[in-house]
């Protein structure tokens, strides 16, 4: 899959932070009925073990890692069996490491200069991060003019309430959000809450389906 293919799978990509790898498979199974793409962030020591468990036990999941900030993260992610990588930012070093690894990569951008740098490195799909602080829907509308071929996955401050506004934009195939996996519910192993949170993505899915038909 290319990163563009990954972004088309569903309208919402849950951004998952796990401190206990044993939580990974139950959480993935709570989400997977309706959500196939899962992003596990490299923010904790448990992250790569969590990824390996999901890859090994939840075959339907398309698992990626987020918070890639160093070139060596690509090797560790690839060894864990992930299908794609996501970064909060962009650098030529990360672009080269992504190319060397063969792992589809979604670089993070916040400004027009970031977008230009990523375009020159060969990327036409990017993560707007942090989306809310970067200007949200207004910023994405502004970027659509000079960069009509670029697709964005806004992440950072996106909620179930604001996601439809983002998804209504032609340059937004999907959004990233942590509301599907609230940390307090994960710590309590409240998988039912994750299922209820998953249900909130249905209006987003209907909007995404209409975009594809149009």
N, C-alpha and C. Protein backbone atom coordinates (compact mmCIF):
# COMPACT_ATOMS: atom_id res chain seq x y z
N UNK A 1 0.83 -1.19 0.00
CA UNK A 1 0.00 0.00 0.00
C UNK A 1 0.87 1.25 0.00
N UNK A 2 0.42 2.25 -0.71
CA UNK A 2 1.05 3.56 -0.59
C UNK A 2 0.41 4.30 0.59
N UNK A 3 1.00 5.41 0.99
CA UNK A 3 0.40 6.17 2.08
C UNK A 3 -0.95 6.73 1.64
N UNK A 4 -1.08 7.04 0.35
CA UNK A 4 -2.37 7.49 -0.15
C UNK A 4 -3.44 6.42 0.00
N UNK A 5 -3.07 5.16 -0.26
CA UNK A 5 -4.00 4.06 -0.07
C UNK A 5 -4.43 3.94 1.39
N UNK A 6 -3.48 4.09 2.29
CA UNK A 6 -3.78 3.99 3.72
C UNK A 6 -4.81 5.05 4.12
N UNK A 7 -4.64 6.27 3.64
CA UNK A 7 -5.53 7.37 4.02
C UNK A 7 -6.94 7.19 3.48
N UNK A 8 -7.10 6.37 2.45
CA UNK A 8 -8.41 6.15 1.85
C UNK A 8 -9.19 5.02 2.51
N UNK A 9 -8.56 4.25 3.39
CA UNK A 9 -9.23 3.08 3.97
C UNK A 9 -10.43 3.47 4.82
N UNK A 10 -10.29 4.53 5.60
CA UNK A 10 -11.38 4.97 6.46
C UNK A 10 -11.22 6.42 6.83
N UNK A 11 -12.29 7.07 7.29
CA UNK A 11 -12.23 8.51 7.55
C UNK A 11 -11.51 8.90 8.83
N UNK A 12 -11.30 7.93 9.74
CA UNK A 12 -10.67 8.25 11.02
C UNK A 12 -9.56 7.25 11.32
N UNK A 13 -8.41 7.76 11.70
CA UNK A 13 -7.30 6.92 12.17
C UNK A 13 -7.11 7.19 13.66
N UNK A 14 -7.37 6.21 14.52
CA UNK A 14 -7.16 6.44 15.94
C UNK A 14 -5.68 6.58 16.26
N UNK A 15 -5.35 7.57 17.08
CA UNK A 15 -3.98 7.79 17.54
C UNK A 15 -3.88 7.16 18.92
N UNK A 16 -3.10 6.10 19.03
CA UNK A 16 -3.11 5.23 20.21
C UNK A 16 -1.82 5.39 20.99
N UNK A 17 -1.96 5.63 22.29
CA UNK A 17 -0.81 5.68 23.21
C UNK A 17 -1.01 4.58 24.24
N UNK A 18 -0.05 3.64 24.30
CA UNK A 18 -0.16 2.52 25.23
C UNK A 18 1.06 2.47 26.15
N UNK A 19 0.80 2.36 27.42
CA UNK A 19 1.89 2.18 28.39
C UNK A 19 2.03 0.73 28.80
N UNK A 20 1.08 -0.10 28.43
CA UNK A 20 1.08 -1.52 28.79
C UNK A 20 0.75 -2.30 27.52
N UNK A 21 1.71 -3.08 27.02
CA UNK A 21 1.52 -3.80 25.76
C UNK A 21 0.41 -4.84 25.83
N UNK A 22 0.07 -5.31 27.03
CA UNK A 22 -1.01 -6.29 27.14
C UNK A 22 -2.37 -5.68 26.80
N UNK A 23 -2.45 -4.36 26.77
CA UNK A 23 -3.71 -3.70 26.41
C UNK A 23 -3.91 -3.65 24.90
N UNK A 24 -2.87 -3.94 24.14
CA UNK A 24 -2.89 -3.66 22.71
C UNK A 24 -3.93 -4.48 21.95
N UNK A 25 -3.92 -5.78 22.14
CA UNK A 25 -4.81 -6.64 21.37
C UNK A 25 -6.28 -6.44 21.74
N UNK A 26 -6.65 -6.39 23.03
CA UNK A 26 -8.05 -6.11 23.35
C UNK A 26 -8.53 -4.78 22.79
N UNK A 27 -7.68 -3.76 22.85
CA UNK A 27 -8.07 -2.46 22.32
C UNK A 27 -8.24 -2.53 20.80
N UNK A 28 -7.30 -3.16 20.11
CA UNK A 28 -7.40 -3.28 18.66
C UNK A 28 -8.66 -4.02 18.26
N UNK A 29 -8.99 -5.07 19.00
CA UNK A 29 -10.21 -5.84 18.67
C UNK A 29 -11.47 -5.03 18.95
N UNK A 30 -11.41 -4.13 19.93
CA UNK A 30 -12.56 -3.27 20.20
C UNK A 30 -12.78 -2.27 19.08
N UNK A 31 -11.69 -1.89 18.40
CA UNK A 31 -11.77 -0.87 17.35
C UNK A 31 -11.99 -1.46 15.96
N UNK A 32 -11.54 -2.67 15.73
CA UNK A 32 -11.36 -3.16 14.37
C UNK A 32 -12.66 -3.36 13.62
N UNK A 33 -13.77 -3.52 14.30
CA UNK A 33 -15.05 -3.65 13.63
C UNK A 33 -15.49 -2.27 13.15
N UNK A 34 -15.02 -1.89 11.97
CA UNK A 34 -15.34 -0.58 11.43
C UNK A 34 -14.12 0.30 11.24
N UNK A 35 -13.03 0.03 11.93
CA UNK A 35 -11.81 0.82 11.79
C UNK A 35 -10.64 -0.14 11.58
N UNK A 36 -10.00 -0.06 10.43
CA UNK A 36 -8.93 -1.00 10.13
C UNK A 36 -7.55 -0.40 10.32
N UNK A 37 -7.41 0.91 10.14
CA UNK A 37 -6.10 1.55 10.23
C UNK A 37 -5.89 2.03 11.66
N UNK A 38 -4.80 1.58 12.27
CA UNK A 38 -4.49 1.93 13.66
C UNK A 38 -3.08 2.53 13.71
N UNK A 39 -2.95 3.66 14.36
CA UNK A 39 -1.63 4.29 14.54
C UNK A 39 -1.23 4.20 16.01
N UNK A 40 -0.19 3.44 16.29
CA UNK A 40 0.35 3.32 17.65
C UNK A 40 1.55 4.24 17.75
N UNK A 41 1.51 5.19 18.66
CA UNK A 41 2.59 6.17 18.74
C UNK A 41 3.80 5.61 19.49
N UNK A 42 4.96 6.08 19.10
CA UNK A 42 6.21 5.66 19.74
C UNK A 42 6.54 6.57 20.93
N UNK A 43 5.54 6.84 21.74
CA UNK A 43 5.73 7.74 22.87
C UNK A 43 6.05 7.02 24.17
N UNK A 44 5.95 5.69 24.17
CA UNK A 44 6.19 4.94 25.40
C UNK A 44 7.10 3.75 25.10
N UNK A 45 7.77 3.20 26.12
CA UNK A 45 8.60 2.02 25.90
C UNK A 45 7.81 0.79 25.46
N UNK A 46 6.50 0.79 25.72
CA UNK A 46 5.68 -0.37 25.38
C UNK A 46 5.23 -0.38 23.93
N UNK A 47 5.48 0.69 23.19
CA UNK A 47 4.86 0.86 21.88
C UNK A 47 5.20 -0.25 20.89
N UNK A 48 6.47 -0.56 20.71
CA UNK A 48 6.83 -1.55 19.70
C UNK A 48 6.35 -2.94 20.06
N UNK A 49 6.37 -3.29 21.34
CA UNK A 49 5.82 -4.57 21.76
C UNK A 49 4.32 -4.61 21.49
N UNK A 50 3.63 -3.49 21.73
CA UNK A 50 2.20 -3.41 21.44
C UNK A 50 1.94 -3.62 19.95
N UNK A 51 2.76 -3.00 19.12
CA UNK A 51 2.61 -3.15 17.67
C UNK A 51 2.78 -4.61 17.27
N UNK A 52 3.82 -5.25 17.78
CA UNK A 52 4.06 -6.65 17.42
C UNK A 52 2.88 -7.54 17.80
N UNK A 53 2.28 -7.26 18.96
CA UNK A 53 1.14 -8.07 19.40
C UNK A 53 -0.06 -7.87 18.47
N UNK A 54 -0.34 -6.63 18.09
CA UNK A 54 -1.48 -6.38 17.20
C UNK A 54 -1.23 -7.01 15.84
N UNK A 55 -0.04 -6.82 15.30
CA UNK A 55 0.29 -7.40 14.00
C UNK A 55 0.15 -8.92 14.03
N UNK A 56 0.57 -9.53 15.13
CA UNK A 56 0.54 -10.98 15.21
C UNK A 56 -0.83 -11.57 15.49
N UNK A 57 -1.73 -10.80 16.12
CA UNK A 57 -2.99 -11.38 16.57
C UNK A 57 -4.25 -10.75 15.99
N UNK A 58 -4.13 -9.61 15.34
CA UNK A 58 -5.31 -8.95 14.76
C UNK A 58 -5.02 -8.74 13.27
N UNK A 59 -5.26 -9.79 12.51
CA UNK A 59 -4.83 -9.80 11.10
C UNK A 59 -5.53 -8.74 10.27
N UNK A 60 -6.73 -8.34 10.65
CA UNK A 60 -7.48 -7.37 9.86
C UNK A 60 -6.91 -5.96 9.96
N UNK A 61 -6.12 -5.70 10.99
CA UNK A 61 -5.64 -4.35 11.25
C UNK A 61 -4.51 -3.95 10.29
N UNK A 62 -4.54 -2.72 9.85
CA UNK A 62 -3.44 -2.11 9.11
C UNK A 62 -2.72 -1.22 10.12
N UNK A 63 -1.60 -1.69 10.62
CA UNK A 63 -0.96 -1.06 11.77
C UNK A 63 0.21 -0.19 11.32
N UNK A 64 0.23 1.03 11.82
CA UNK A 64 1.35 1.93 11.60
C UNK A 64 1.86 2.46 12.92
N UNK A 65 3.01 3.12 12.86
CA UNK A 65 3.54 3.76 14.06
C UNK A 65 3.60 5.26 13.84
N UNK A 66 3.28 5.99 14.90
CA UNK A 66 3.37 7.44 14.87
C UNK A 66 4.51 7.94 15.73
N UNK A 67 4.68 9.24 15.74
CA UNK A 67 5.74 9.90 16.50
C UNK A 67 7.13 9.42 16.06
N UNK A 68 7.28 9.18 14.76
CA UNK A 68 8.62 8.92 14.21
C UNK A 68 9.37 10.25 14.17
N UNK A 69 10.46 10.32 14.89
CA UNK A 69 11.24 11.56 14.95
C UNK A 69 12.71 11.36 14.61
N UNK A 70 13.16 10.09 14.47
CA UNK A 70 14.57 9.80 14.21
C UNK A 70 14.66 8.81 13.05
N UNK A 71 15.70 8.90 12.22
CA UNK A 71 15.83 7.95 11.11
C UNK A 71 15.80 6.49 11.57
N UNK A 72 16.40 6.19 12.72
CA UNK A 72 16.44 4.79 13.17
C UNK A 72 15.08 4.25 13.56
N UNK A 73 14.10 5.13 13.75
CA UNK A 73 12.75 4.65 14.08
C UNK A 73 12.16 3.81 12.96
N UNK A 74 12.56 4.07 11.72
CA UNK A 74 12.01 3.31 10.60
C UNK A 74 12.43 1.85 10.67
N UNK A 75 13.69 1.60 11.02
CA UNK A 75 14.14 0.22 11.13
C UNK A 75 13.42 -0.53 12.22
N UNK A 76 13.25 0.11 13.37
CA UNK A 76 12.55 -0.53 14.48
C UNK A 76 11.10 -0.79 14.13
N UNK A 77 10.47 0.17 13.45
CA UNK A 77 9.06 0.01 13.07
C UNK A 77 8.90 -1.11 12.05
N UNK A 78 9.78 -1.12 11.05
CA UNK A 78 9.69 -2.17 10.04
C UNK A 78 9.89 -3.55 10.63
N UNK A 79 10.82 -3.67 11.57
CA UNK A 79 11.06 -4.96 12.21
C UNK A 79 9.86 -5.43 13.02
N UNK A 80 9.05 -4.48 13.49
CA UNK A 80 7.86 -4.84 14.26
C UNK A 80 6.70 -5.24 13.37
N UNK A 81 6.84 -5.04 12.06
CA UNK A 81 5.82 -5.50 11.13
C UNK A 81 4.78 -4.47 10.72
N UNK A 82 5.08 -3.19 10.93
CA UNK A 82 4.08 -2.17 10.61
C UNK A 82 3.96 -1.97 9.11
N UNK A 83 2.87 -1.31 8.70
CA UNK A 83 2.59 -1.07 7.29
C UNK A 83 2.88 0.36 6.86
N UNK A 84 3.02 1.28 7.83
CA UNK A 84 3.28 2.67 7.49
C UNK A 84 3.83 3.40 8.70
N UNK A 85 4.39 4.58 8.47
CA UNK A 85 4.92 5.40 9.55
C UNK A 85 4.41 6.83 9.44
N UNK A 86 4.31 7.49 10.60
CA UNK A 86 3.80 8.87 10.66
C UNK A 86 4.73 9.68 11.55
N UNK A 87 4.98 10.92 11.15
CA UNK A 87 5.81 11.80 11.96
C UNK A 87 5.07 13.10 12.25
N UNK A 88 5.35 13.72 13.39
CA UNK A 88 4.78 15.04 13.66
C UNK A 88 5.44 16.14 12.86
N UNK A 89 6.56 15.84 12.19
CA UNK A 89 7.28 16.85 11.44
C UNK A 89 7.94 16.27 10.20
N UNK A 90 8.83 17.05 9.62
CA UNK A 90 9.51 16.64 8.39
C UNK A 90 10.95 17.10 8.43
N UNK A 91 11.84 16.27 7.89
CA UNK A 91 13.23 16.66 7.67
C UNK A 91 13.77 15.83 6.51
N UNK A 92 14.79 16.33 5.81
CA UNK A 92 15.39 15.53 4.74
C UNK A 92 15.91 14.19 5.24
N UNK A 93 16.41 14.17 6.48
CA UNK A 93 16.93 12.91 7.04
C UNK A 93 15.82 11.88 7.20
N UNK A 94 14.66 12.33 7.66
CA UNK A 94 13.53 11.40 7.79
C UNK A 94 13.06 10.93 6.42
N UNK A 95 13.03 11.84 5.45
CA UNK A 95 12.61 11.46 4.10
C UNK A 95 13.54 10.40 3.51
N UNK A 96 14.84 10.56 3.70
CA UNK A 96 15.79 9.58 3.19
C UNK A 96 15.62 8.24 3.89
N UNK A 97 15.46 8.27 5.22
CA UNK A 97 15.30 7.02 5.97
C UNK A 97 14.02 6.30 5.55
N UNK A 98 12.97 7.07 5.29
CA UNK A 98 11.72 6.45 4.83
C UNK A 98 11.93 5.77 3.49
N UNK A 99 12.61 6.46 2.57
CA UNK A 99 12.87 5.86 1.27
C UNK A 99 13.74 4.62 1.36
N UNK A 100 14.76 4.67 2.21
CA UNK A 100 15.64 3.52 2.38
C UNK A 100 14.90 2.32 2.97
N UNK A 101 13.94 2.60 3.85
CA UNK A 101 13.22 1.51 4.52
C UNK A 101 12.13 0.91 3.66
N UNK A 102 11.63 1.70 2.69
CA UNK A 102 10.51 1.24 1.88
C UNK A 102 9.17 1.35 2.59
N UNK A 103 9.16 1.95 3.78
CA UNK A 103 7.92 2.06 4.55
C UNK A 103 7.14 3.29 4.09
N UNK A 104 5.88 3.14 3.71
CA UNK A 104 5.08 4.32 3.38
C UNK A 104 5.08 5.30 4.54
N UNK A 105 5.23 6.58 4.24
CA UNK A 105 5.50 7.57 5.27
C UNK A 105 4.60 8.78 5.10
N UNK A 106 4.01 9.22 6.22
CA UNK A 106 3.19 10.42 6.26
C UNK A 106 3.93 11.46 7.08
N UNK A 107 4.59 12.42 6.43
CA UNK A 107 5.33 13.44 7.18
C UNK A 107 4.38 14.50 7.74
N UNK A 108 4.80 15.12 8.82
CA UNK A 108 4.01 16.18 9.43
C UNK A 108 4.43 17.54 8.92
N UNK A 109 3.44 18.40 8.70
CA UNK A 109 3.70 19.78 8.27
C UNK A 109 2.80 20.73 9.06
N UNK A 110 3.21 22.00 9.12
CA UNK A 110 2.40 23.00 9.81
C UNK A 110 2.32 24.30 9.02
N UNK A 111 3.29 24.55 8.14
CA UNK A 111 3.36 25.81 7.40
C UNK A 111 3.48 25.55 5.90
N UNK A 112 3.22 26.56 5.05
CA UNK A 112 3.45 26.39 3.62
C UNK A 112 4.89 26.00 3.28
N UNK A 113 5.84 26.53 4.03
CA UNK A 113 7.24 26.15 3.78
C UNK A 113 7.46 24.66 4.04
N UNK A 114 6.83 24.14 5.09
CA UNK A 114 6.92 22.70 5.36
C UNK A 114 6.35 21.90 4.20
N UNK A 115 5.21 22.35 3.68
CA UNK A 115 4.57 21.64 2.56
C UNK A 115 5.47 21.63 1.35
N UNK A 116 6.09 22.76 1.04
CA UNK A 116 6.99 22.83 -0.11
C UNK A 116 8.18 21.88 0.07
N UNK A 117 8.75 21.86 1.28
CA UNK A 117 9.88 20.97 1.53
C UNK A 117 9.48 19.52 1.33
N UNK A 118 8.29 19.14 1.83
CA UNK A 118 7.83 17.76 1.68
C UNK A 118 7.53 17.44 0.22
N UNK A 119 6.96 18.39 -0.51
CA UNK A 119 6.70 18.18 -1.93
C UNK A 119 7.99 17.94 -2.70
N UNK A 120 9.02 18.73 -2.42
CA UNK A 120 10.30 18.56 -3.09
C UNK A 120 10.93 17.20 -2.78
N UNK A 121 10.59 16.64 -1.63
CA UNK A 121 11.11 15.32 -1.26
C UNK A 121 10.27 14.19 -1.83
N UNK A 122 9.19 14.54 -2.54
CA UNK A 122 8.40 13.52 -3.23
C UNK A 122 7.12 13.12 -2.55
N UNK A 123 6.69 13.87 -1.53
CA UNK A 123 5.47 13.51 -0.79
C UNK A 123 4.30 14.39 -1.23
N UNK A 124 3.14 13.77 -1.47
CA UNK A 124 1.95 14.54 -1.79
C UNK A 124 0.81 14.25 -0.82
N UNK A 125 1.10 13.49 0.24
CA UNK A 125 0.16 13.27 1.34
C UNK A 125 0.89 13.62 2.63
N UNK A 126 0.26 14.43 3.47
CA UNK A 126 0.93 14.96 4.66
C UNK A 126 -0.03 15.03 5.83
N UNK A 127 0.54 15.05 7.01
CA UNK A 127 -0.22 15.22 8.25
C UNK A 127 -0.12 16.68 8.68
N UNK A 128 -1.26 17.36 8.78
CA UNK A 128 -1.24 18.72 9.34
C UNK A 128 -1.25 18.58 10.85
N UNK A 129 -0.17 19.04 11.50
CA UNK A 129 -0.03 18.85 12.94
C UNK A 129 0.71 20.03 13.56
N UNK A 130 0.25 20.49 14.72
CA UNK A 130 -1.05 20.17 15.34
C UNK A 130 -2.15 20.94 14.65
N UNK A 131 -3.16 20.25 14.18
CA UNK A 131 -4.14 20.84 13.27
C UNK A 131 -4.86 22.03 13.88
N UNK A 132 -5.35 21.88 15.09
CA UNK A 132 -6.11 22.97 15.70
C UNK A 132 -5.25 24.22 15.86
N UNK A 133 -4.05 24.05 16.38
CA UNK A 133 -3.16 25.18 16.61
C UNK A 133 -2.65 25.77 15.30
N UNK A 134 -2.61 24.95 14.24
CA UNK A 134 -2.13 25.43 12.94
C UNK A 134 -3.19 26.22 12.18
N UNK A 135 -4.41 26.24 12.67
CA UNK A 135 -5.46 27.00 11.99
C UNK A 135 -6.64 26.19 11.54
N UNK A 136 -6.58 24.87 11.75
CA UNK A 136 -7.72 24.01 11.51
C UNK A 136 -8.26 24.07 10.09
N UNK A 137 -9.59 24.09 10.00
CA UNK A 137 -10.26 24.07 8.70
C UNK A 137 -9.84 25.27 7.85
N UNK A 138 -9.72 26.44 8.47
CA UNK A 138 -9.33 27.62 7.73
C UNK A 138 -7.95 27.48 7.09
N UNK A 139 -7.01 26.88 7.82
CA UNK A 139 -5.67 26.69 7.29
C UNK A 139 -5.70 25.73 6.10
N UNK A 140 -6.47 24.66 6.21
CA UNK A 140 -6.54 23.67 5.13
C UNK A 140 -7.18 24.27 3.88
N UNK A 141 -8.18 25.12 4.07
CA UNK A 141 -8.76 25.82 2.92
C UNK A 141 -7.73 26.72 2.26
N UNK A 142 -6.93 27.39 3.06
CA UNK A 142 -5.90 28.27 2.52
C UNK A 142 -4.82 27.49 1.77
N UNK A 143 -4.44 26.32 2.30
CA UNK A 143 -3.40 25.51 1.66
C UNK A 143 -3.87 24.90 0.35
N UNK A 144 -5.19 24.72 0.21
CA UNK A 144 -5.72 24.08 -1.00
C UNK A 144 -5.43 24.90 -2.25
N UNK A 145 -5.34 26.23 -2.10
CA UNK A 145 -5.09 27.08 -3.27
C UNK A 145 -3.73 26.84 -3.90
N UNK A 146 -2.65 27.05 -3.16
CA UNK A 146 -1.32 26.86 -3.76
C UNK A 146 -0.89 25.41 -3.89
N UNK A 147 -1.57 24.51 -3.17
CA UNK A 147 -1.16 23.10 -3.19
C UNK A 147 -2.36 22.20 -3.50
N UNK A 148 -2.94 22.31 -4.70
CA UNK A 148 -4.18 21.58 -5.00
C UNK A 148 -4.03 20.07 -5.04
N UNK A 149 -2.81 19.57 -5.25
CA UNK A 149 -2.62 18.13 -5.37
C UNK A 149 -2.30 17.45 -4.05
N UNK A 150 -2.13 18.23 -2.99
CA UNK A 150 -1.72 17.66 -1.70
C UNK A 150 -2.95 17.25 -0.89
N UNK A 151 -2.89 16.04 -0.31
CA UNK A 151 -3.91 15.56 0.60
C UNK A 151 -3.37 15.63 2.02
N UNK A 152 -4.25 16.00 2.95
CA UNK A 152 -3.84 16.18 4.34
C UNK A 152 -4.65 15.29 5.27
N UNK A 153 -3.98 14.80 6.31
CA UNK A 153 -4.64 14.12 7.42
C UNK A 153 -4.44 15.00 8.66
N UNK A 154 -5.40 15.88 8.96
CA UNK A 154 -5.23 16.74 10.14
C UNK A 154 -5.31 15.94 11.43
N UNK A 155 -4.39 16.22 12.32
CA UNK A 155 -4.31 15.51 13.60
C UNK A 155 -3.84 16.52 14.66
N UNK A 156 -4.39 16.38 15.84
CA UNK A 156 -4.00 17.29 16.92
C UNK A 156 -5.14 18.23 17.24
N UNK A 157 -5.91 17.91 18.28
CA UNK A 157 -7.05 18.72 18.65
C UNK A 157 -8.32 18.39 17.89
N UNK A 158 -8.28 17.39 17.00
CA UNK A 158 -9.48 16.98 16.27
C UNK A 158 -10.36 16.15 17.20
N UNK A 159 -11.66 16.40 17.18
CA UNK A 159 -12.60 15.69 18.03
C UNK A 159 -13.72 15.09 17.18
N UNK A 160 -14.56 14.28 17.83
CA UNK A 160 -15.71 13.72 17.12
C UNK A 160 -16.61 14.83 16.60
N UNK A 161 -16.67 15.95 17.32
CA UNK A 161 -17.53 17.07 16.91
C UNK A 161 -16.94 17.85 15.74
N UNK A 162 -15.61 18.00 15.70
CA UNK A 162 -15.00 18.81 14.66
C UNK A 162 -14.57 18.01 13.43
N UNK A 163 -14.47 16.68 13.55
CA UNK A 163 -14.01 15.86 12.43
C UNK A 163 -14.84 16.04 11.17
N UNK A 164 -16.18 16.09 11.24
CA UNK A 164 -16.94 16.26 9.99
C UNK A 164 -16.59 17.54 9.24
N UNK A 165 -16.29 18.61 9.95
CA UNK A 165 -15.89 19.85 9.28
C UNK A 165 -14.62 19.68 8.48
N UNK A 166 -13.66 18.94 9.02
CA UNK A 166 -12.43 18.66 8.28
C UNK A 166 -12.71 17.77 7.07
N UNK A 167 -13.52 16.72 7.30
CA UNK A 167 -13.76 15.75 6.23
C UNK A 167 -14.59 16.31 5.09
N UNK A 168 -15.25 17.43 5.33
CA UNK A 168 -16.00 18.07 4.26
C UNK A 168 -15.09 18.73 3.24
N UNK A 169 -13.81 18.88 3.56
CA UNK A 169 -12.86 19.55 2.66
C UNK A 169 -12.35 18.57 1.60
N UNK A 170 -12.23 19.00 0.35
CA UNK A 170 -11.76 18.10 -0.70
C UNK A 170 -10.34 17.59 -0.50
N UNK A 171 -9.52 18.34 0.23
CA UNK A 171 -8.12 17.91 0.41
C UNK A 171 -7.90 17.12 1.70
N UNK A 172 -8.97 16.64 2.33
CA UNK A 172 -8.86 15.87 3.57
C UNK A 172 -9.57 14.52 3.41
N UNK A 173 -8.82 13.44 3.13
CA UNK A 173 -9.44 12.12 3.02
C UNK A 173 -9.74 11.48 4.37
N UNK A 174 -9.00 11.88 5.41
CA UNK A 174 -9.21 11.29 6.74
C UNK A 174 -8.63 12.22 7.79
N UNK A 175 -8.98 11.94 9.04
CA UNK A 175 -8.44 12.69 10.17
C UNK A 175 -7.83 11.71 11.17
N UNK A 176 -6.92 12.20 11.98
CA UNK A 176 -6.38 11.41 13.08
C UNK A 176 -6.91 11.95 14.38
N UNK A 177 -7.23 11.05 15.32
CA UNK A 177 -7.78 11.53 16.58
C UNK A 177 -7.59 10.56 17.72
N UNK A 178 -7.46 11.11 18.91
CA UNK A 178 -7.29 10.28 20.11
C UNK A 178 -8.60 10.07 20.85
N UNK A 179 -9.70 10.69 20.38
CA UNK A 179 -10.96 10.53 21.11
C UNK A 179 -11.46 9.09 21.07
N UNK A 180 -11.01 8.31 20.08
CA UNK A 180 -11.43 6.92 19.99
C UNK A 180 -10.80 6.05 21.06
N UNK A 181 -9.67 6.49 21.59
CA UNK A 181 -8.94 5.71 22.59
C UNK A 181 -8.54 6.61 23.76
N UNK A 182 -9.52 7.13 24.50
CA UNK A 182 -9.18 8.02 25.63
C UNK A 182 -8.31 7.29 26.65
N UNK A 183 -7.27 7.98 27.11
CA UNK A 183 -6.27 7.33 27.96
C UNK A 183 -6.86 6.75 29.23
N UNK A 184 -7.82 7.45 29.84
CA UNK A 184 -8.39 6.95 31.08
C UNK A 184 -9.17 5.66 30.85
N UNK A 185 -9.84 5.54 29.69
CA UNK A 185 -10.56 4.30 29.39
C UNK A 185 -9.59 3.15 29.12
N UNK A 186 -8.51 3.45 28.41
CA UNK A 186 -7.51 2.41 28.13
C UNK A 186 -6.88 1.91 29.43
N UNK A 187 -6.54 2.83 30.32
CA UNK A 187 -5.94 2.42 31.59
C UNK A 187 -6.88 1.55 32.41
N UNK A 188 -8.20 1.82 32.31
CA UNK A 188 -9.18 1.02 33.04
C UNK A 188 -9.59 -0.24 32.29
N UNK A 189 -9.04 -0.40 31.08
CA UNK A 189 -9.41 -1.51 30.19
C UNK A 189 -10.90 -1.50 29.89
N UNK A 190 -11.42 -0.29 29.67
CA UNK A 190 -12.82 -0.11 29.37
C UNK A 190 -13.00 -0.19 27.86
N UNK A 191 -12.95 -1.41 27.33
CA UNK A 191 -13.03 -1.59 25.88
C UNK A 191 -14.41 -1.23 25.34
N UNK A 192 -15.44 -1.33 26.16
CA UNK A 192 -16.77 -0.93 25.72
C UNK A 192 -16.80 0.55 25.38
N UNK A 193 -16.04 1.36 26.14
CA UNK A 193 -16.01 2.78 25.83
C UNK A 193 -15.34 3.02 24.49
N UNK A 194 -14.33 2.23 24.18
CA UNK A 194 -13.69 2.36 22.88
C UNK A 194 -14.67 2.01 21.76
N UNK A 195 -15.52 1.01 22.02
CA UNK A 195 -16.53 0.67 21.02
C UNK A 195 -17.53 1.81 20.85
N UNK A 196 -17.92 2.44 21.96
CA UNK A 196 -18.85 3.56 21.86
C UNK A 196 -18.19 4.73 21.14
N UNK A 197 -16.91 4.97 21.44
CA UNK A 197 -16.19 6.04 20.74
C UNK A 197 -16.08 5.74 19.26
N UNK A 198 -15.87 4.46 18.94
CA UNK A 198 -15.80 4.05 17.54
C UNK A 198 -17.10 4.37 16.82
N UNK A 199 -18.22 4.20 17.52
CA UNK A 199 -19.51 4.47 16.89
C UNK A 199 -19.64 5.92 16.48
N UNK A 200 -18.94 6.82 17.16
CA UNK A 200 -19.03 8.24 16.83
C UNK A 200 -18.37 8.58 15.50
N UNK A 201 -17.63 7.64 14.93
CA UNK A 201 -17.02 7.93 13.64
C UNK A 201 -17.99 7.65 12.50
N UNK A 202 -19.17 7.11 12.79
CA UNK A 202 -20.09 6.76 11.71
C UNK A 202 -20.54 7.95 10.88
N UNK A 203 -20.90 9.11 11.50
CA UNK A 203 -21.20 10.27 10.66
C UNK A 203 -20.03 10.66 9.77
N UNK A 204 -18.82 10.52 10.27
CA UNK A 204 -17.63 10.80 9.46
C UNK A 204 -17.56 9.84 8.29
N UNK A 205 -17.87 8.56 8.54
CA UNK A 205 -17.81 7.55 7.49
C UNK A 205 -18.84 7.85 6.41
N UNK A 206 -20.03 8.27 6.81
CA UNK A 206 -21.06 8.60 5.82
C UNK A 206 -20.61 9.78 4.96
N UNK A 207 -19.99 10.77 5.59
CA UNK A 207 -19.50 11.92 4.84
C UNK A 207 -18.40 11.50 3.87
N UNK A 208 -17.49 10.65 4.33
CA UNK A 208 -16.40 10.17 3.46
C UNK A 208 -16.96 9.38 2.29
N UNK A 209 -17.99 8.57 2.53
CA UNK A 209 -18.60 7.81 1.44
C UNK A 209 -19.20 8.74 0.39
N UNK A 210 -19.84 9.82 0.84
CA UNK A 210 -20.41 10.77 -0.11
C UNK A 210 -19.31 11.44 -0.92
N UNK A 211 -18.18 11.74 -0.28
CA UNK A 211 -17.06 12.35 -1.01
C UNK A 211 -16.57 11.43 -2.11
N UNK A 212 -16.46 10.12 -1.79
CA UNK A 212 -15.98 9.16 -2.78
C UNK A 212 -16.95 9.04 -3.95
N UNK A 213 -18.27 9.07 -3.65
CA UNK A 213 -19.26 8.99 -4.73
C UNK A 213 -19.21 10.22 -5.61
N UNK A 214 -18.98 11.37 -4.98
CA UNK A 214 -18.92 12.62 -5.75
C UNK A 214 -17.66 12.70 -6.60
